[in-house]
Amino acid sequence: MGLCAACAHVAVTRSAKGSTFYRCRRAKTDPAYAKYPPLPVLRCPGFEPQRPPEDEVRGG
C-alpha cells in the first residue's frame, strides 16, 4: 500500500470478506488523484503524514 496507509487523506474500508480498500479523499475535489489508486503508491504530491493521536503528543 505504500504511502496511503500513513496519509492523512486516506479512508480505509474493510469488507465483510476481509478485503481492505484505500480510498484517496483528495480525489473528491481534485481530479488529478485516483479515487482508488493502484497500490503500492510510492510517490504522491498530495501525501501528508497522519498526525499522531493527541494522547501520544502529550506523552500519555
Protein backbone atom coordinates (compact mmCIF):
# COMPACT_ATOMS: atom_id res chain seq x y z
CA MET A 1 0.00 0.00 0.00
CA GLY A 2 3.00 2.31 0.29
CA LEU A 3 2.28 5.89 1.36
CA CYS A 4 -1.50 5.52 1.55
CA ALA A 5 -1.51 3.75 4.91
CA ALA A 6 0.22 6.71 6.54
CA CYS A 7 -1.54 9.52 4.64
CA ALA A 8 -3.88 12.00 6.30
CA HIS A 9 -6.17 11.82 3.23
CA VAL A 10 -6.84 8.08 3.26
CA ALA A 11 -10.21 6.50 4.01
CA VAL A 12 -9.85 2.80 4.82
CA THR A 13 -12.74 0.44 4.15
CA ARG A 14 -12.78 -3.21 5.19
CA SER A 15 -15.25 -5.53 3.51
CA ALA A 16 -17.13 -8.35 5.19
CA LYS A 17 -14.94 -10.77 3.22
CA GLY A 18 -11.77 -9.31 4.74
CA SER A 19 -10.56 -7.14 1.84
CA THR A 20 -9.12 -3.72 2.64
CA PHE A 21 -9.58 -0.75 0.31
CA TYR A 22 -7.65 2.53 0.49
CA ARG A 23 -9.62 5.48 -0.92
CA CYS A 24 -7.98 8.83 -1.54
CA ARG A 25 -10.20 11.60 -0.19
CA ARG A 26 -8.32 14.16 -2.32
CA ALA A 27 -9.99 12.59 -5.38
CA LYS A 28 -13.32 14.10 -4.31
CA THR A 29 -12.12 17.65 -5.04
CA ASP A 30 -9.11 17.15 -7.33
CA PRO A 31 -9.38 15.01 -10.49
CA ALA A 32 -5.58 14.59 -10.54
CA TYR A 33 -5.96 11.95 -7.80
CA ALA A 34 -7.41 8.48 -8.36
CA LYS A 35 -10.25 7.51 -6.03
CA TYR A 36 -8.67 4.07 -5.54
CA PRO A 37 -5.02 4.43 -6.63
CA PRO A 38 -3.11 1.36 -7.81
CA LEU A 39 -1.02 0.12 -4.91
CA PRO A 40 1.67 0.47 -3.79
CA VAL A 41 1.82 4.25 -4.03
CA LEU A 42 5.48 5.14 -3.64
CA ARG A 43 5.30 8.83 -4.57
CA CYS A 44 2.39 11.23 -4.24
CA PRO A 45 2.47 15.04 -4.40
CA GLY A 46 -0.59 15.18 -2.13
CA PHE A 47 0.83 13.00 0.62
CA GLU A 48 0.58 14.47 4.11
CA PRO A 49 1.52 12.29 7.09
CA GLN A 50 -1.19 11.48 9.61
CA ARG A 51 -0.92 13.30 12.90
CA PRO A 52 -0.47 11.12 15.97
CA PRO A 53 -3.44 10.97 18.38
CA GLU A 54 -3.47 13.79 20.95
CA ASP A 55 -2.64 11.47 23.86
CA GLU A 56 0.58 10.39 22.10
CA VAL A 57 1.54 14.04 21.55
CA ARG A 58 1.10 14.74 25.27
CA GLY A 59 3.13 11.66 26.20
CA GLY A 60 0.33 9.67 27.72
